[in-house]
Amino acid sequence: MKVVERIKEIRNELNHVRKSGTTIGFVPTMGYLHEGHVSLIHAAKKKKHFVVVSIFVNPLQFGPNEDLDRYPRDFERDEKIAKEAGADLVFYPSVHEMYPTNMPMTIHVTNGADVLCGKSRPGHFDGVATVVMKLLQIVQPTEAFFGQKDAQQLAIIMNMVQAFNVPISITGCPTIREEDGLAKSSRNVYLEENEREEAPFLYETLRKGAEWIQLGETSRSAILAELKKSLEKGSGTLDYVDVLTYPSLEPVENLQGKVILAVAYAYKKARLIDNYILELKEEA
């Protein structure tokens, strides 16, 4: 496995890969790799791709009061995990390499950015879309792999790639969970012991909400009321819970088609997100 820090160098490396007729699978990350990231690398490897993993903590997607400086970083650990998972190349650029000057332009996300996480994080998805577009242009993979845990991000990236006619396939991979149901996340290390014990109730609540829908409850407001009642019993603070169409992320009162139940929940030092996506069967 090779580690590359410069854009020019990764382009040269990948030109040789393409000339050999090998396809390229890309897994963009912000580092502090865990089993969720490993599952994305495995998914890319399974398709016989030459696998590129990027590790870059993107400052554009952090707000002024968010945890950019506290975001966990351990490159030696990440390098080892990526290598053991089967990555062929790690792209590890500096902030200056990605943004040598103040960005003269960024992508502004017009649909799906003002709900869920975007409601309390203005500009966040503009930062995500901008860095992902840059990385896709640098790597130019055949296929890029993202986790469904960040379902809003996945939807926005899929819509962006379609809107800009980027010739890349975007694949969403299932959320990797702890044995008790808690979604794997780099931020889980911030949870206190009692918070970690309680946190699995987030997914359990969403799962129950999905069961209500599958049993015939299609009123968005009724489902939301029940979800809020359950989530407000926790010791943390409910940031949001919502039920929207997916991937269009629209609030439709009478639920139909593909829908997402999504939650963001704040503990003392960690803000956790989770979701449950299901498809309603059309009545015959």
Protein backbone atom coordinates (compact mmCIF):
# COMPACT_ATOMS: atom_id res chain seq x y z
CA MET A 1 0.00 0.00 0.00
CA LYS A 2 1.29 3.42 -0.97
CA VAL A 3 0.71 6.74 0.82
CA VAL A 4 0.50 9.85 -1.37
CA GLU A 5 0.19 13.46 -0.17
CA ARG A 6 0.27 15.48 -3.40
CA ILE A 7 -2.48 15.82 -6.02
CA LYS A 8 0.02 15.61 -8.88
CA GLU A 9 1.45 12.38 -7.47
CA ILE A 10 -1.90 10.62 -7.00
CA ARG A 11 -2.93 11.55 -10.54
CA ASN A 12 0.28 10.00 -11.91
CA GLU A 13 -0.23 6.84 -9.84
CA LEU A 14 -3.85 6.43 -10.94
CA ASN A 15 -3.05 7.07 -14.61
CA HIS A 16 -0.87 3.94 -14.49
CA VAL A 17 -3.72 2.01 -12.85
CA ARG A 18 -6.19 3.06 -15.56
CA LYS A 19 -3.74 2.20 -18.35
CA SER A 20 -3.54 -1.33 -16.95
CA GLY A 21 -7.31 -1.62 -17.40
CA THR A 22 -8.08 -1.76 -13.68
CA THR A 23 -11.13 0.04 -12.25
CA ILE A 24 -10.79 2.38 -9.27
CA GLY A 25 -12.90 2.25 -6.11
CA PHE A 26 -12.77 5.30 -3.85
CA VAL A 27 -13.53 5.57 -0.12
CA PRO A 28 -13.36 9.19 1.11
CA THR A 29 -12.93 9.56 4.89
CA MET A 30 -11.98 12.07 7.56
CA GLY A 31 -9.78 9.50 9.26
CA TYR A 32 -9.98 7.87 12.68
CA LEU A 33 -11.07 4.76 10.80
CA HIS A 34 -13.42 2.21 12.35
CA GLU A 35 -15.33 -0.88 11.23
CA GLY A 36 -17.73 1.25 9.21
CA HIS A 37 -14.89 2.55 7.04
CA VAL A 38 -13.39 -0.93 6.83
CA SER A 39 -16.70 -2.26 5.47
CA LEU A 40 -16.55 0.36 2.68
CA ILE A 41 -13.00 -0.71 1.77
CA HIS A 42 -14.13 -4.35 1.75
CA ALA A 43 -17.11 -3.45 -0.49
CA ALA A 44 -14.75 -1.77 -2.97
CA LYS A 45 -12.28 -4.66 -2.81
CA LYS A 46 -15.06 -7.17 -3.42
CA LYS A 47 -15.68 -5.53 -6.78
CA LYS A 48 -12.02 -6.06 -7.78
CA HIS A 49 -11.29 -2.32 -7.78
CA PHE A 50 -7.92 -0.73 -7.10
CA VAL A 51 -8.94 0.84 -3.79
CA VAL A 52 -8.08 4.44 -2.91
CA VAL A 53 -8.82 5.74 0.60
CA SER A 54 -8.58 9.48 1.27
CA ILE A 55 -7.95 10.80 4.78
CA PHE A 56 -8.68 14.50 5.06
CA VAL A 57 -10.35 16.44 7.88
CA ASN A 58 -12.19 19.03 5.81
CA PRO A 59 -12.33 22.45 7.52
CA LEU A 60 -15.06 23.69 5.15
CA GLN A 61 -17.70 21.47 6.74
CA PHE A 62 -17.09 22.52 10.36
CA GLY A 63 -18.98 25.50 11.79
CA PRO A 64 -17.36 28.13 14.05
CA ASN A 65 -18.43 26.35 17.26
CA GLU A 66 -17.85 22.78 16.06
CA ASP A 67 -15.16 20.24 16.88
CA LEU A 68 -12.56 20.71 14.09
CA ASP A 69 -9.64 20.97 16.52
CA ARG A 70 -11.00 18.15 18.71
CA TYR A 71 -11.72 15.81 15.81
CA PRO A 72 -9.65 12.67 16.53
CA ARG A 73 -6.57 12.23 14.34
CA ASP A 74 -4.13 9.31 14.33
CA PHE A 75 -2.61 8.76 10.90
CA GLU A 76 -0.32 5.85 11.85
CA ARG A 77 -3.34 3.98 13.22
CA ASP A 78 -5.42 4.85 10.12
CA GLU A 79 -2.63 3.75 7.78
CA LYS A 80 -2.42 0.37 9.51
CA ILE A 81 -6.21 -0.16 9.43
CA ALA A 82 -6.46 0.84 5.75
CA LYS A 83 -3.61 -1.50 4.80
CA GLU A 84 -5.06 -4.45 6.73
CA ALA A 85 -8.50 -3.82 5.16
CA GLY A 86 -7.01 -4.11 1.67
CA ALA A 87 -6.57 -0.51 0.49
CA ASP A 88 -4.05 -0.10 -2.33
CA LEU A 89 -3.37 3.62 -1.93
CA VAL A 90 -4.01 6.22 0.77
CA PHE A 91 -4.36 9.88 -0.25
CA TYR A 92 -3.38 12.02 2.73
CA PRO A 93 -3.31 15.67 1.61
CA SER A 94 -2.67 18.70 3.80
CA VAL A 95 -5.22 21.49 4.06
CA HIS A 96 -2.87 23.64 1.94
CA GLU A 97 -2.71 20.94 -0.74
CA MET A 98 -6.52 20.83 -0.98
CA TYR A 99 -7.10 24.56 -0.49
CA PRO A 100 -3.88 26.41 -1.51
CA THR A 101 -5.72 29.74 -1.46
CA ASN A 102 -9.09 30.87 -0.18
CA MET A 103 -11.58 28.89 -2.26
CA PRO A 104 -12.66 31.14 -5.15
CA MET A 105 -15.89 29.16 -5.37
CA THR A 106 -17.78 26.48 -3.49
CA ILE A 107 -20.80 24.33 -4.26
CA HIS A 108 -24.06 25.58 -2.78
CA VAL A 109 -26.54 22.77 -2.12
CA THR A 110 -30.06 24.00 -2.90
CA ASN A 111 -32.13 20.88 -2.15
CA GLY A 112 -31.95 18.75 0.98
CA ALA A 113 -29.44 20.90 2.89
CA ASP A 114 -31.85 22.80 5.15
CA VAL A 115 -33.42 19.76 6.86
CA LEU A 116 -32.07 17.23 9.39
CA CYS A 117 -28.39 18.05 10.14
CA GLY A 118 -28.46 21.03 7.80
CA LYS A 119 -31.05 22.81 9.92
CA SER A 120 -28.60 23.43 12.78
CA ARG A 121 -25.43 23.40 10.66
CA PRO A 122 -25.79 26.10 7.98
CA GLY A 123 -23.17 25.74 5.28
CA HIS A 124 -22.14 22.24 6.41
CA PHE A 125 -23.33 20.45 3.30
CA ASP A 126 -21.87 23.13 1.03
CA GLY A 127 -18.52 22.21 2.61
CA VAL A 128 -19.18 18.48 2.21
CA ALA A 129 -20.28 18.83 -1.42
CA THR A 130 -17.29 21.04 -2.26
CA VAL A 131 -14.66 18.69 -0.84
CA VAL A 132 -16.31 15.57 -2.27
CA MET A 133 -16.48 17.16 -5.73
CA LYS A 134 -12.78 18.11 -5.44
CA LEU A 135 -11.84 14.58 -4.35
CA LEU A 136 -13.90 12.99 -7.13
CA GLN A 137 -12.14 15.21 -9.68
CA ILE A 138 -8.71 14.39 -8.22
CA VAL A 139 -9.23 10.61 -7.97
CA GLN A 140 -11.70 10.18 -10.86
CA PRO A 141 -12.81 6.75 -9.63
CA THR A 142 -15.08 4.27 -11.35
CA GLU A 143 -17.15 3.98 -8.17
CA ALA A 144 -17.20 5.80 -4.81
CA PHE A 145 -18.43 4.22 -1.58
CA PHE A 146 -20.25 6.00 1.26
CA GLY A 147 -21.90 4.75 4.45
CA GLN A 148 -25.67 4.94 4.83
CA LYS A 149 -25.19 6.17 8.41
CA ASP A 150 -24.68 9.62 6.88
CA ALA A 151 -27.84 9.20 4.82
CA GLN A 152 -28.38 12.93 4.22
CA GLN A 153 -24.81 13.30 3.00
CA LEU A 154 -25.25 10.25 0.75
CA ALA A 155 -28.47 11.65 -0.74
CA ILE A 156 -26.87 15.05 -1.40
CA ILE A 157 -23.79 13.49 -3.03
CA MET A 158 -25.94 11.24 -5.23
CA ASN A 159 -28.01 14.25 -6.28
CA MET A 160 -24.85 16.34 -6.90
CA VAL A 161 -23.21 13.69 -9.08
CA GLN A 162 -26.41 13.39 -11.09
CA ALA A 163 -26.89 17.17 -11.38
CA PHE A 164 -23.32 17.77 -12.61
CA ASN A 165 -23.21 14.68 -14.86
CA VAL A 166 -20.16 13.30 -13.06
CA PRO A 167 -19.41 9.90 -14.67
CA ILE A 168 -18.99 8.07 -11.37
CA SER A 169 -21.18 5.46 -9.70
CA ILE A 170 -22.10 6.26 -6.06
CA THR A 171 -22.73 3.26 -3.81
CA GLY A 172 -24.29 3.43 -0.34
CA CYS A 173 -23.23 0.69 2.10
CA PRO A 174 -25.19 -0.43 5.20
CA THR A 175 -24.47 1.15 8.58
CA ILE A 176 -22.09 -0.91 10.71
CA ARG A 177 -23.30 -1.26 14.30
CA GLU A 178 -22.05 -2.35 17.69
CA GLU A 179 -23.63 -5.54 19.07
CA ASP A 180 -26.17 -3.45 21.00
CA GLY A 181 -27.26 -1.53 17.88
CA LEU A 182 -25.32 1.73 18.31
CA ALA A 183 -24.00 2.97 14.96
CA LYS A 184 -20.20 2.95 14.72
CA SER A 185 -18.85 6.50 14.77
CA SER A 186 -15.57 8.30 15.38
CA ARG A 187 -17.44 10.41 17.93
CA ASN A 188 -18.44 7.46 20.13
CA VAL A 189 -15.10 7.82 21.96
CA TYR A 190 -16.47 11.02 23.56
CA LEU A 191 -19.41 9.24 25.25
CA GLU A 192 -19.34 8.88 29.02
CA GLU A 193 -20.02 5.39 30.41
CA ASN A 194 -23.70 6.01 31.25
CA GLU A 195 -24.25 7.73 27.89
CA ARG A 196 -22.71 4.80 26.03
CA GLU A 197 -25.07 2.41 27.85
CA GLU A 198 -28.10 4.52 26.93
CA ALA A 199 -27.21 5.47 23.33
CA PRO A 200 -28.52 2.30 21.59
CA PHE A 201 -32.06 3.51 22.35
CA LEU A 202 -31.74 5.92 19.41
CA TYR A 203 -31.74 3.15 16.81
CA GLU A 204 -34.26 1.10 18.78
CA THR A 205 -36.68 4.05 18.71
CA LEU A 206 -36.26 4.51 14.95
CA ARG A 207 -36.78 0.79 14.42
CA LYS A 208 -40.04 0.92 16.38
CA GLY A 209 -41.14 3.91 14.30
CA ALA A 210 -40.45 1.92 11.14
CA GLU A 211 -42.56 -0.93 12.54
CA TRP A 212 -45.49 1.46 13.12
CA ILE A 213 -45.23 2.57 9.50
CA GLN A 214 -45.08 -1.02 8.25
CA LEU A 215 -48.17 -1.82 10.34
CA GLY A 216 -50.09 0.86 8.45
CA GLU A 217 -49.48 4.22 10.18
CA THR A 218 -48.72 6.60 7.29
CA SER A 219 -49.29 9.93 9.05
CA ARG A 220 -45.94 11.73 9.35
CA SER A 221 -47.15 13.91 12.24
CA ALA A 222 -48.44 10.89 14.22
CA ILE A 223 -45.15 9.00 13.78
CA LEU A 224 -43.15 12.10 14.74
CA ALA A 225 -45.17 12.61 17.92
CA GLU A 226 -44.45 9.05 19.07
CA LEU A 227 -40.76 9.27 18.17
CA LYS A 228 -40.33 12.55 20.07
CA LYS A 229 -42.10 11.13 23.13
CA SER A 230 -39.67 8.19 23.25
CA LEU A 231 -36.50 10.17 22.50
CA GLU A 232 -37.19 12.88 25.07
CA LYS A 233 -36.94 10.25 27.83
CA GLY A 234 -33.16 10.05 27.33
CA SER A 235 -30.55 11.91 29.39
CA GLY A 236 -29.21 13.89 26.42
CA THR A 237 -30.79 16.57 24.25
CA LEU A 238 -32.84 15.81 21.14
CA ASP A 239 -31.50 17.93 18.29
CA TYR A 240 -34.02 16.67 15.75
CA VAL A 241 -36.06 13.70 14.69
CA ASP A 242 -37.81 13.66 11.33
CA VAL A 243 -39.52 11.47 8.77
CA LEU A 244 -38.89 12.43 5.14
CA THR A 245 -39.04 11.02 1.63
CA TYR A 246 -35.69 9.56 0.48
CA PRO A 247 -33.49 10.58 -1.26
CA SER A 248 -35.45 13.76 -2.04
CA LEU A 249 -35.64 14.61 1.72
CA GLU A 250 -39.08 16.19 1.60
CA PRO A 251 -41.64 16.38 4.45
CA VAL A 252 -44.74 14.66 3.05
CA GLU A 253 -47.62 14.18 5.51
CA ASN A 254 -48.97 10.98 3.94
CA LEU A 255 -45.96 8.69 3.77
CA GLN A 256 -45.40 6.62 0.66
CA GLY A 257 -42.52 5.14 -1.33
CA LYS A 258 -39.05 5.26 0.22
CA VAL A 259 -38.80 7.12 3.53
CA ILE A 260 -36.13 7.86 6.11
CA LEU A 261 -36.54 8.16 9.87
CA ALA A 262 -33.59 10.20 11.11
CA VAL A 263 -32.37 11.44 14.48
CA ALA A 264 -29.61 13.64 15.90
CA TYR A 265 -29.04 13.49 19.62
CA ALA A 266 -26.56 15.45 21.73
CA TYR A 267 -24.77 14.12 24.77
CA LYS A 268 -22.26 16.18 26.80
CA LYS A 269 -19.35 15.79 24.39
CA ALA A 270 -20.80 13.92 21.42
CA ARG A 271 -23.57 14.54 18.91
CA LEU A 272 -24.82 11.25 17.46
CA ILE A 273 -26.83 10.69 14.29
CA ASP A 274 -28.68 7.63 13.08
CA ASN A 275 -31.38 6.68 10.61
CA TYR A 276 -33.64 3.93 9.36
CA ILE A 277 -34.62 3.74 5.68
CA LEU A 278 -37.57 1.68 4.51
CA GLU A 279 -39.71 1.29 1.43
CA LEU A 280 -43.49 1.26 1.79
CA LYS A 281 -45.21 -1.31 -0.35
CA GLU A 282 -47.73 0.13 -2.77
CA GLU A 283 -51.27 -1.07 -2.24
CA ALA A 284 -52.49 -3.36 -4.98
